[in-house]
Amino acid sequence: MGNRPLPFDPAAVRRVLGSPEGQQILQLLNQDGGQALKKAADALRAGDAETARQVLSPIMESEAAAGLIDKLNQPR
């Protein structure tokens, strides 16, 4: 990815991942031993956000992940 900025705010990522919902999303992403997450991270490092999205999409569009994302998007 070089010196290009990340497509997200690192502070927001820390906030989300530190939440109970974020921790549950991480568990979903690691169900396959973390292979999908590793592949997506590798793609992002290479500057290929589309491949990362394609790899994570089936997981993140699951009913469980969708419910967690809805909770994260609610005002606190």
PDB file of N, CA and C in Angstrom:
ATOM      1  N   MET A   1       0.810  -1.167   0.000  1.00  0.00           N
ATOM      2  CA  MET A   1       0.000   0.000   0.000  1.00  0.00           C
ATOM      3  C   MET A   1       0.865   1.246   0.000  1.00  0.00           C
ATOM      4  N   GLY A   2       2.098   1.107   0.331  1.00  0.00           N
ATOM      5  CA  GLY A   2       3.021   2.228   0.267  1.00  0.00           C
ATOM      6  C   GLY A   2       2.655   3.326   1.228  1.00  0.00           C
ATOM      7  N   ASN A   3       2.738   4.567   0.755  1.00  0.00           N
ATOM      8  CA  ASN A   3       2.436   5.710   1.603  1.00  0.00           C
ATOM      9  C   ASN A   3       1.008   6.212   1.428  1.00  0.00           C
ATOM     10  N   ARG A   4       0.192   5.482   0.727  1.00  0.00           N
ATOM     11  CA  ARG A   4      -1.195   5.896   0.554  1.00  0.00           C
ATOM     12  C   ARG A   4      -1.927   5.797   1.878  1.00  0.00           C
ATOM     13  N   PRO A   5      -2.841   6.742   2.145  1.00  0.00           N
ATOM     14  CA  PRO A   5      -3.596   6.680   3.403  1.00  0.00           C
ATOM     15  C   PRO A   5      -4.532   5.480   3.412  1.00  0.00           C
ATOM     16  N   LEU A   6      -4.828   5.008   4.597  1.00  0.00           N
ATOM     17  CA  LEU A   6      -5.769   3.905   4.744  1.00  0.00           C
ATOM     18  C   LEU A   6      -7.163   4.391   4.378  1.00  0.00           C
ATOM     19  N   PRO A   7      -8.010   3.493   3.860  1.00  0.00           N
ATOM     20  CA  PRO A   7      -9.354   3.904   3.448  1.00  0.00           C
ATOM     21  C   PRO A   7     -10.314   4.027   4.636  1.00  0.00           C
ATOM     22  N   PHE A   8      -9.770   4.127   5.851  1.00  0.00           N
ATOM     23  CA  PHE A   8     -10.594   4.260   7.052  1.00  0.00           C
ATOM     24  C   PHE A   8      -9.784   4.971   8.115  1.00  0.00           C
ATOM     25  N   ASP A   9     -10.476   5.468   9.112  1.00  0.00           N
ATOM     26  CA  ASP A   9      -9.849   6.197  10.204  1.00  0.00           C
ATOM     27  C   ASP A   9      -9.349   5.208  11.266  1.00  0.00           C
ATOM     28  N   PRO A  10      -8.048   5.151  11.525  1.00  0.00           N
ATOM     29  CA  PRO A  10      -7.522   4.193  12.506  1.00  0.00           C
ATOM     30  C   PRO A  10      -8.150   4.345  13.894  1.00  0.00           C
ATOM     31  N   ALA A  11      -8.470   5.557  14.318  1.00  0.00           N
ATOM     32  CA  ALA A  11      -9.105   5.751  15.634  1.00  0.00           C
ATOM     33  C   ALA A  11     -10.489   5.108  15.659  1.00  0.00           C
ATOM     34  N   ALA A  12     -11.226   5.232  14.562  1.00  0.00           N
ATOM     35  CA  ALA A  12     -12.554   4.618  14.483  1.00  0.00           C
ATOM     36  C   ALA A  12     -12.438   3.096  14.508  1.00  0.00           C
ATOM     37  N   VAL A  13     -11.427   2.568  13.841  1.00  0.00           N
ATOM     38  CA  VAL A  13     -11.220   1.119  13.842  1.00  0.00           C
ATOM     39  C   VAL A  13     -10.930   0.631  15.262  1.00  0.00           C
ATOM     40  N   ARG A  14     -10.081   1.338  15.985  1.00  0.00           N
ATOM     41  CA  ARG A  14      -9.783   0.952  17.376  1.00  0.00           C
ATOM     42  C   ARG A  14     -11.043   0.988  18.231  1.00  0.00           C
ATOM     43  N   ARG A  15     -11.880   2.010  18.031  1.00  0.00           N
ATOM     44  CA  ARG A  15     -13.122   2.118  18.803  1.00  0.00           C
ATOM     45  C   ARG A  15     -14.035   0.935  18.504  1.00  0.00           C
ATOM     46  N   VAL A  16     -14.204   0.626  17.227  1.00  0.00           N
ATOM     47  CA  VAL A  16     -15.083  -0.474  16.831  1.00  0.00           C
ATOM     48  C   VAL A  16     -14.549  -1.806  17.338  1.00  0.00           C
ATOM     49  N   LEU A  17     -13.270  -2.058  17.123  1.00  0.00           N
ATOM     50  CA  LEU A  17     -12.707  -3.348  17.520  1.00  0.00           C
ATOM     51  C   LEU A  17     -12.642  -3.515  19.035  1.00  0.00           C
ATOM     52  N   GLY A  18     -12.661  -2.420  19.757  1.00  0.00           N
ATOM     53  CA  GLY A  18     -12.666  -2.487  21.211  1.00  0.00           C
ATOM     54  C   GLY A  18     -14.044  -2.711  21.803  1.00  0.00           C
ATOM     55  N   SER A  19     -15.074  -2.630  20.977  1.00  0.00           N
ATOM     56  CA  SER A  19     -16.444  -2.815  21.452  1.00  0.00           C
ATOM     57  C   SER A  19     -16.796  -4.297  21.486  1.00  0.00           C
ATOM     58  N   PRO A  20     -17.799  -4.662  22.278  1.00  0.00           N
ATOM     59  CA  PRO A  20     -18.233  -6.069  22.294  1.00  0.00           C
ATOM     60  C   PRO A  20     -18.666  -6.559  20.907  1.00  0.00           C
ATOM     61  N   GLU A  21     -19.352  -5.687  20.162  1.00  0.00           N
ATOM     62  CA  GLU A  21     -19.794  -6.074  18.814  1.00  0.00           C
ATOM     63  C   GLU A  21     -18.594  -6.276  17.897  1.00  0.00           C
ATOM     64  N   GLY A  22     -17.607  -5.404  18.015  1.00  0.00           N
ATOM     65  CA  GLY A  22     -16.401  -5.536  17.206  1.00  0.00           C
ATOM     66  C   GLY A  22     -15.669  -6.835  17.507  1.00  0.00           C
ATOM     67  N   GLN A  23     -15.624  -7.201  18.774  1.00  0.00           N
ATOM     68  CA  GLN A  23     -14.978  -8.460  19.156  1.00  0.00           C
ATOM     69  C   GLN A  23     -15.722  -9.651  18.564  1.00  0.00           C
ATOM     70  N   GLN A  24     -17.052  -9.575  18.528  1.00  0.00           N
ATOM     71  CA  GLN A  24     -17.837 -10.657  17.938  1.00  0.00           C
ATOM     72  C   GLN A  24     -17.621 -10.722  16.424  1.00  0.00           C
ATOM     73  N   ILE A  25     -17.491  -9.565  15.778  1.00  0.00           N
ATOM     74  CA  ILE A  25     -17.201  -9.554  14.346  1.00  0.00           C
ATOM     75  C   ILE A  25     -15.842 -10.197  14.086  1.00  0.00           C
ATOM     76  N   LEU A  26     -14.853  -9.888  14.929  1.00  0.00           N
ATOM     77  CA  LEU A  26     -13.534 -10.517  14.780  1.00  0.00           C
ATOM     78  C   LEU A  26     -13.638 -12.033  14.907  1.00  0.00           C
ATOM     79  N   GLN A  27     -14.469 -12.509  15.826  1.00  0.00           N
ATOM     80  CA  GLN A  27     -14.665 -13.954  15.962  1.00  0.00           C
ATOM     81  C   GLN A  27     -15.242 -14.548  14.680  1.00  0.00           C
ATOM     82  N   LEU A  28     -16.207 -13.841  14.077  1.00  0.00           N
ATOM     83  CA  LEU A  28     -16.768 -14.315  12.801  1.00  0.00           C
ATOM     84  C   LEU A  28     -15.692 -14.368  11.728  1.00  0.00           C
ATOM     85  N   LEU A  29     -14.850 -13.345  11.687  1.00  0.00           N
ATOM     86  CA  LEU A  29     -13.805 -13.277  10.662  1.00  0.00           C
ATOM     87  C   LEU A  29     -12.725 -14.341  10.869  1.00  0.00           C
ATOM     88  N   ASN A  30     -12.614 -14.852  12.082  1.00  0.00           N
ATOM     89  CA  ASN A  30     -11.588 -15.849  12.380  1.00  0.00           C
ATOM     90  C   ASN A  30     -12.119 -17.281  12.395  1.00  0.00           C
ATOM     91  N   GLN A  31     -13.360 -17.477  11.977  1.00  0.00           N
ATOM     92  CA  GLN A  31     -13.942 -18.817  11.998  1.00  0.00           C
ATOM     93  C   GLN A  31     -13.164 -19.816  11.145  1.00  0.00           C
ATOM     94  N   ASP A  32     -12.539 -19.342  10.108  1.00  0.00           N
ATOM     95  CA  ASP A  32     -11.783 -20.237   9.223  1.00  0.00           C
ATOM     96  C   ASP A  32     -10.303 -20.252   9.597  1.00  0.00           C
ATOM     97  N   GLY A  33     -10.017 -19.957  10.842  1.00  0.00           N
ATOM     98  CA  GLY A  33      -8.629 -19.902  11.289  1.00  0.00           C
ATOM     99  C   GLY A  33      -7.958 -18.602  10.880  1.00  0.00           C
ATOM    100  N   GLY A  34      -8.755 -17.629  10.459  1.00  0.00           N
ATOM    101  CA  GLY A  34      -8.217 -16.332  10.086  1.00  0.00           C
ATOM    102  C   GLY A  34      -7.728 -16.246   8.655  1.00  0.00           C
ATOM    103  N   GLN A  35      -7.981 -17.275   7.844  1.00  0.00           N
ATOM    104  CA  GLN A  35      -7.480 -17.276   6.472  1.00  0.00           C
ATOM    105  C   GLN A  35      -8.097 -16.158   5.625  1.00  0.00           C
ATOM    106  N   ALA A  36      -9.412 -15.958   5.744  1.00  0.00           N
ATOM    107  CA  ALA A  36     -10.057 -14.899   4.961  1.00  0.00           C
ATOM    108  C   ALA A  36      -9.542 -13.532   5.403  1.00  0.00           C
ATOM    109  N   LEU A  37      -9.407 -13.353   6.705  1.00  0.00           N
ATOM    110  CA  LEU A  37      -8.911 -12.079   7.223  1.00  0.00           C
ATOM    111  C   LEU A  37      -7.483 -11.820   6.754  1.00  0.00           C
ATOM    112  N   LYS A  38      -6.644 -12.852   6.759  1.00  0.00           N
ATOM    113  CA  LYS A  38      -5.255 -12.705   6.300  1.00  0.00           C
ATOM    114  C   LYS A  38      -5.223 -12.369   4.807  1.00  0.00           C
ATOM    115  N   LYS A  39      -6.045 -13.057   4.027  1.00  0.00           N
ATOM    116  CA  LYS A  39      -6.078 -12.794   2.585  1.00  0.00           C
ATOM    117  C   LYS A  39      -6.544 -11.359   2.315  1.00  0.00           C
ATOM    118  N   ALA A  40      -7.552 -10.903   3.054  1.00  0.00           N
ATOM    119  CA  ALA A  40      -8.044  -9.535   2.880  1.00  0.00           C
ATOM    120  C   ALA A  40      -6.985  -8.522   3.295  1.00  0.00           C
ATOM    121  N   ALA A  41      -6.292  -8.787   4.393  1.00  0.00           N
ATOM    122  CA  ALA A  41      -5.238  -7.871   4.851  1.00  0.00           C
ATOM    123  C   ALA A  41      -4.105  -7.812   3.828  1.00  0.00           C
ATOM    124  N   ASP A  42      -3.732  -8.964   3.284  1.00  0.00           N
ATOM    125  CA  ASP A  42      -2.690  -8.998   2.249  1.00  0.00           C
ATOM    126  C   ASP A  42      -3.116  -8.179   1.025  1.00  0.00           C
ATOM    127  N   ALA A  43      -4.383  -8.314   0.642  1.00  0.00           N
ATOM    128  CA  ALA A  43      -4.888  -7.568  -0.507  1.00  0.00           C
ATOM    129  C   ALA A  43      -4.859  -6.065  -0.223  1.00  0.00           C
ATOM    130  N   LEU A  44      -5.261  -5.663   0.976  1.00  0.00           N
ATOM    131  CA  LEU A  44      -5.224  -4.238   1.326  1.00  0.00           C
ATOM    132  C   LEU A  44      -3.804  -3.701   1.319  1.00  0.00           C
ATOM    133  N   ARG A  45      -2.874  -4.481   1.852  1.00  0.00           N
ATOM    134  CA  ARG A  45      -1.472  -4.041   1.843  1.00  0.00           C
ATOM    135  C   ARG A  45      -0.961  -3.856   0.421  1.00  0.00           C
ATOM    136  N   ALA A  46      -1.491  -4.649  -0.504  1.00  0.00           N
ATOM    137  CA  ALA A  46      -1.087  -4.549  -1.907  1.00  0.00           C
ATOM    138  C   ALA A  46      -1.885  -3.465  -2.647  1.00  0.00           C
ATOM    139  N   GLY A  47      -2.796  -2.796  -1.930  1.00  0.00           N
ATOM    140  CA  GLY A  47      -3.583  -1.740  -2.544  1.00  0.00           C
ATOM    141  C   GLY A  47      -4.815  -2.236  -3.281  1.00  0.00           C
ATOM    142  N   ASP A  48      -5.217  -3.474  -3.038  1.00  0.00           N
ATOM    143  CA  ASP A  48      -6.342  -4.086  -3.742  1.00  0.00           C
ATOM    144  C   ASP A  48      -7.554  -4.188  -2.811  1.00  0.00           C
ATOM    145  N   ALA A  49      -8.232  -3.068  -2.614  1.00  0.00           N
ATOM    146  CA  ALA A  49      -9.392  -3.032  -1.722  1.00  0.00           C
ATOM    147  C   ALA A  49     -10.551  -3.871  -2.258  1.00  0.00           C
ATOM    148  N   GLU A  50     -10.670  -3.979  -3.567  1.00  0.00           N
ATOM    149  CA  GLU A  50     -11.774  -4.752  -4.153  1.00  0.00           C
ATOM    150  C   GLU A  50     -11.655  -6.236  -3.802  1.00  0.00           C
ATOM    151  N   THR A  51     -10.456  -6.796  -3.886  1.00  0.00           N
ATOM    152  CA  THR A  51     -10.271  -8.205  -3.507  1.00  0.00           C
ATOM    153  C   THR A  51     -10.556  -8.392  -2.028  1.00  0.00           C
ATOM    154  N   ALA A  52     -10.100  -7.461  -1.198  1.00  0.00           N
ATOM    155  CA  ALA A  52     -10.367  -7.543   0.239  1.00  0.00           C
ATOM    156  C   ALA A  52     -11.876  -7.552   0.491  1.00  0.00           C
ATOM    157  N   ARG A  53     -12.599  -6.686  -0.204  1.00  0.00           N
ATOM    158  CA  ARG A  53     -14.050  -6.620  -0.049  1.00  0.00           C
ATOM    159  C   ARG A  53     -14.694  -7.939  -0.480  1.00  0.00           C
ATOM    160  N   GLN A  54     -14.244  -8.500  -1.600  1.00  0.00           N
ATOM    161  CA  GLN A  54     -14.805  -9.743  -2.106  1.00  0.00           C
ATOM    162  C   GLN A  54     -14.556 -10.903  -1.141  1.00  0.00           C
ATOM    163  N   VAL A  55     -13.381 -10.925  -0.528  1.00  0.00           N
ATOM    164  CA  VAL A  55     -13.032 -12.000   0.398  1.00  0.00           C
ATOM    165  C   VAL A  55     -13.894 -11.926   1.660  1.00  0.00           C
ATOM    166  N   LEU A  56     -14.085 -10.714   2.170  1.00  0.00           N
ATOM    167  CA  LEU A  56     -14.797 -10.551   3.434  1.00  0.00           C
ATOM    168  C   LEU A  56     -16.309 -10.430   3.271  1.00  0.00           C
ATOM    169  N   SER A  57     -16.764 -10.140   2.077  1.00  0.00           N
ATOM    170  CA  SER A  57     -18.184  -9.894   1.839  1.00  0.00           C
ATOM    171  C   SER A  57     -19.096 -11.023   2.319  1.00  0.00           C
ATOM    172  N   PRO A  58     -18.824 -12.285   2.014  1.00  0.00           N
ATOM    173  CA  PRO A  58     -19.730 -13.347   2.479  1.00  0.00           C
ATOM    174  C   PRO A  58     -19.855 -13.388   4.003  1.00  0.00           C
ATOM    175  N   ILE A  59     -18.785 -13.111   4.692  1.00  0.00           N
ATOM    176  CA  ILE A  59     -18.804 -13.115   6.156  1.00  0.00           C
ATOM    177  C   ILE A  59     -19.554 -11.890   6.671  1.00  0.00           C
ATOM    178  N   MET A  60     -19.192 -10.732   6.131  1.00  0.00           N
ATOM    179  CA  MET A  60     -19.749  -9.480   6.634  1.00  0.00           C
ATOM    180  C   MET A  60     -21.206  -9.292   6.244  1.00  0.00           C
ATOM    181  N   GLU A  61     -21.674 -10.003   5.233  1.00  0.00           N
ATOM    182  CA  GLU A  61     -23.071  -9.903   4.834  1.00  0.00           C
ATOM    183  C   GLU A  61     -23.935 -10.981   5.472  1.00  0.00           C
ATOM    184  N   SER A  62     -23.342 -11.800   6.344  1.00  0.00           N
ATOM    185  CA  SER A  62     -24.115 -12.822   7.041  1.00  0.00           C
ATOM    186  C   SER A  62     -25.099 -12.147   7.997  1.00  0.00           C
ATOM    187  N   GLU A  63     -26.122 -12.875   8.372  1.00  0.00           N
ATOM    188  CA  GLU A  63     -27.128 -12.335   9.283  1.00  0.00           C
ATOM    189  C   GLU A  63     -26.492 -11.927  10.614  1.00  0.00           C
ATOM    190  N   ALA A  64     -25.571 -12.735  11.119  1.00  0.00           N
ATOM    191  CA  ALA A  64     -24.918 -12.431  12.396  1.00  0.00           C
ATOM    192  C   ALA A  64     -24.123 -11.135  12.308  1.00  0.00           C
ATOM    193  N   ALA A  65     -23.314 -10.987  11.260  1.00  0.00           N
ATOM    194  CA  ALA A  65     -22.500  -9.780  11.109  1.00  0.00           C
ATOM    195  C   ALA A  65     -23.386  -8.565  10.871  1.00  0.00           C
ATOM    196  N   ALA A  66     -24.441  -8.722  10.074  1.00  0.00           N
ATOM    197  CA  ALA A  66     -25.330  -7.595   9.792  1.00  0.00           C
ATOM    198  C   ALA A  66     -25.954  -7.064  11.082  1.00  0.00           C
ATOM    199  N   GLY A  67     -26.366  -7.948  11.958  1.00  0.00           N
ATOM    200  CA  GLY A  67     -26.939  -7.526  13.240  1.00  0.00           C
ATOM    201  C   GLY A  67     -25.918  -6.782  14.092  1.00  0.00           C
ATOM    202  N   LEU A  68     -24.694  -7.273  14.106  1.00  0.00           N
ATOM    203  CA  LEU A  68     -23.637  -6.605  14.882  1.00  0.00           C
ATOM    204  C   LEU A  68     -23.321  -5.230  14.294  1.00  0.00           C
ATOM    205  N   ILE A  69     -23.296  -5.139  12.984  1.00  0.00           N
ATOM    206  CA  ILE A  69     -23.019  -3.858  12.332  1.00  0.00           C
ATOM    207  C   ILE A  69     -24.140  -2.865  12.626  1.00  0.00           C
ATOM    208  N   ASP A  70     -25.385  -3.346  12.617  1.00  0.00           N
ATOM    209  CA  ASP A  70     -26.501  -2.462  12.967  1.00  0.00           C
ATOM    210  C   ASP A  70     -26.330  -1.907  14.379  1.00  0.00           C
ATOM    211  N   LYS A  71     -25.908  -2.758  15.309  1.00  0.00           N
ATOM    212  CA  LYS A  71     -25.681  -2.299  16.687  1.00  0.00           C
ATOM    213  C   LYS A  71     -24.565  -1.271  16.733  1.00  0.00           C
ATOM    214  N   LEU A  72     -23.503  -1.497  15.975  1.00  0.00           N
ATOM    215  CA  LEU A  72     -22.383  -0.544  15.954  1.00  0.00           C
ATOM    216  C   LEU A  72     -22.802   0.811  15.392  1.00  0.00           C
ATOM    217  N   ASN A  73     -23.738   0.802  14.462  1.00  0.00           N
ATOM    218  CA  ASN A  73     -24.169   2.041  13.816  1.00  0.00           C
ATOM    219  C   ASN A  73     -25.197   2.820  14.618  1.00  0.00           C
ATOM    220  N   GLN A  74     -25.704   2.232  15.709  1.00  0.00           N
ATOM    221  CA  GLN A  74     -26.655   2.939  16.541  1.00  0.00           C
ATOM    222  C   GLN A  74     -25.919   3.974  17.385  1.00  0.00           C
ATOM    223  N   PRO A  75     -26.527   5.155  17.556  1.00  0.00           N
ATOM    224  CA  PRO A  75     -25.886   6.157  18.416  1.00  0.00           C
ATOM    225  C   PRO A  75     -25.741   5.640  19.831  1.00  0.00           C
ATOM    226  N   ARG A  76     -24.641   5.988  20.430  1.00  0.00           N
ATOM    227  CA  ARG A  76     -24.391   5.526  21.808  1.00  0.00           C
ATOM    228  C   ARG A  76     -24.570   6.651  22.772  1.00  0.00           C
TER     229      ARG A  76
END
